């Protein structure tokens, strides 16, 4: 297994773990976004640009969800 494959394995594993834990804290939503961007980097480095592009967008969607969750929690305090 080469370094790029290990990086990809780490990225998608992190996506799975953080997605599973999202309901526990908004910080897991942010961690999911970062994991998506790692997956995006892997896709681009591997040459699978459609995967890289979609993962980058998905990371942006997750950041928007994280921001919205943080704002809604702060407004309730």
C-alpha atoms as a PDB file:
ATOM      1  CA  UNK A   1       0.000   0.000   0.000  1.00  0.00           C
ATOM      2  CA  UNK A   2       1.489   3.343  -1.009  1.00  0.00           C
ATOM      3  CA  UNK A   3       1.313   6.653   0.861  1.00  0.00           C
ATOM      4  CA  UNK A   4      -1.479   8.081  -1.288  1.00  0.00           C
ATOM      5  CA  UNK A   5      -3.668   5.029  -0.693  1.00  0.00           C
ATOM      6  CA  UNK A   6      -3.057   5.236   3.058  1.00  0.00           C
ATOM      7  CA  UNK A   7      -3.988   8.923   2.967  1.00  0.00           C
ATOM      8  CA  UNK A   8      -7.220   8.085   1.123  1.00  0.00           C
ATOM      9  CA  UNK A   9      -8.012   5.335   3.609  1.00  0.00           C
ATOM     10  CA  UNK A  10      -7.484   7.756   6.475  1.00  0.00           C
ATOM     11  CA  UNK A  11      -9.659  10.429   4.837  1.00  0.00           C
ATOM     12  CA  UNK A  12     -12.648   8.199   4.138  1.00  0.00           C
ATOM     13  CA  UNK A  13     -12.341   6.484   7.535  1.00  0.00           C
ATOM     14  CA  UNK A  14     -12.368   9.886   9.222  1.00  0.00           C
ATOM     15  CA  UNK A  15     -15.443  10.813   7.168  1.00  0.00           C
ATOM     16  CA  UNK A  16     -17.235   7.685   8.348  1.00  0.00           C
ATOM     17  CA  UNK A  17     -16.355   8.162  12.021  1.00  0.00           C
ATOM     18  CA  UNK A  18     -17.163  11.868  12.149  1.00  0.00           C
ATOM     19  CA  UNK A  19     -20.419  11.400  10.220  1.00  0.00           C
ATOM     20  CA  UNK A  20     -21.463   8.742  12.725  1.00  0.00           C
ATOM     21  CA  UNK A  21     -20.745  11.086  15.655  1.00  0.00           C
ATOM     22  CA  UNK A  22     -22.340  14.245  14.188  1.00  0.00           C
ATOM     23  CA  UNK A  23     -25.379  14.174  16.497  1.00  0.00           C
ATOM     24  CA  UNK A  24     -23.127  14.368  19.572  1.00  0.00           C
ATOM     25  CA  UNK A  25     -21.659  17.792  18.867  1.00  0.00           C
ATOM     26  CA  UNK A  26     -21.480  20.436  16.148  1.00  0.00           C
ATOM     27  CA  UNK A  27     -17.708  19.997  16.300  1.00  0.00           C
ATOM     28  CA  UNK A  28     -18.095  16.565  14.711  1.00  0.00           C
ATOM     29  CA  UNK A  29     -19.904  18.270  11.832  1.00  0.00           C
ATOM     30  CA  UNK A  30     -16.875  20.526  11.382  1.00  0.00           C
ATOM     31  CA  UNK A  31     -14.584  17.499  11.635  1.00  0.00           C
ATOM     32  CA  UNK A  32     -16.691  15.835   8.942  1.00  0.00           C
ATOM     33  CA  UNK A  33     -16.181  18.878   6.702  1.00  0.00           C
ATOM     34  CA  UNK A  34     -12.432  18.705   7.190  1.00  0.00           C
ATOM     35  CA  UNK A  35     -12.538  14.975   6.458  1.00  0.00           C
ATOM     36  CA  UNK A  36     -14.437  15.715   3.241  1.00  0.00           C
ATOM     37  CA  UNK A  37     -11.725  18.153   2.205  1.00  0.00           C
ATOM     38  CA  UNK A  38      -9.089  15.520   2.933  1.00  0.00           C
ATOM     39  CA  UNK A  39     -11.089  13.144   0.743  1.00  0.00           C
ATOM     40  CA  UNK A  40     -11.243  15.846  -1.896  1.00  0.00           C
ATOM     41  CA  UNK A  41      -7.479  16.270  -1.823  1.00  0.00           C
ATOM     42  CA  UNK A  42      -7.110  12.515  -2.176  1.00  0.00           C
ATOM     43  CA  UNK A  43      -9.458  12.489  -5.173  1.00  0.00           C
ATOM     44  CA  UNK A  44      -7.547  15.254  -6.941  1.00  0.00           C
ATOM     45  CA  UNK A  45      -4.158  13.699  -6.139  1.00  0.00           C
ATOM     46  CA  UNK A  46      -5.347  10.342  -7.439  1.00  0.00           C
ATOM     47  CA  UNK A  47      -6.630  11.921 -10.632  1.00  0.00           C
ATOM     48  CA  UNK A  48     -10.317  11.327  -9.893  1.00  0.00           C
ATOM     49  CA  UNK A  49     -11.311  14.977 -10.219  1.00  0.00           C
ATOM     50  CA  UNK A  50     -15.110  14.382 -10.127  1.00  0.00           C
ATOM     51  CA  UNK A  51     -14.698  12.735  -6.710  1.00  0.00           C
ATOM     52  CA  UNK A  52     -12.419  15.549  -5.589  1.00  0.00           C
ATOM     53  CA  UNK A  53     -14.871  18.206  -6.739  1.00  0.00           C
ATOM     54  CA  UNK A  54     -17.923  16.636  -5.100  1.00  0.00           C
ATOM     55  CA  UNK A  55     -16.084  16.042  -1.818  1.00  0.00           C
ATOM     56  CA  UNK A  56     -14.968  19.700  -1.795  1.00  0.00           C
ATOM     57  CA  UNK A  57     -18.578  20.818  -2.255  1.00  0.00           C
ATOM     58  CA  UNK A  58     -19.773  18.366   0.402  1.00  0.00           C
ATOM     59  CA  UNK A  59     -17.198  19.856   2.794  1.00  0.00           C
ATOM     60  CA  UNK A  60     -18.627  23.308   2.134  1.00  0.00           C
ATOM     61  CA  UNK A  61     -22.153  22.050   2.808  1.00  0.00           C
ATOM     62  CA  UNK A  62     -20.968  20.548   6.097  1.00  0.00           C
ATOM     63  CA  UNK A  63     -19.333  23.836   7.148  1.00  0.00           C
ATOM     64  CA  UNK A  64     -22.612  25.648   6.435  1.00  0.00           C
ATOM     65  CA  UNK A  65     -24.445  23.091   8.607  1.00  0.00           C
ATOM     66  CA  UNK A  66     -21.846  23.503  11.361  1.00  0.00           C
ATOM     67  CA  UNK A  67     -22.196  27.299  11.248  1.00  0.00           C
ATOM     68  CA  UNK A  68     -25.981  27.037  11.398  1.00  0.00           C
ATOM     69  CA  UNK A  69     -25.840  24.598  14.347  1.00  0.00           C
ATOM     70  CA  UNK A  70     -23.480  26.877  16.256  1.00  0.00           C
ATOM     71  CA  UNK A  71     -25.677  29.920  15.670  1.00  0.00           C
ATOM     72  CA  UNK A  72     -28.828  28.091  16.745  1.00  0.00           C
ATOM     73  CA  UNK A  73     -27.150  26.818  19.923  1.00  0.00           C
ATOM     74  CA  UNK A  74     -25.823  30.293  20.798  1.00  0.00           C
ATOM     75  CA  UNK A  75     -29.229  31.877  20.300  1.00  0.00           C
ATOM     76  CA  UNK A  76     -30.791  29.424  22.778  1.00  0.00           C
ATOM     77  CA  UNK A  77     -28.318  30.277  25.562  1.00  0.00           C
END
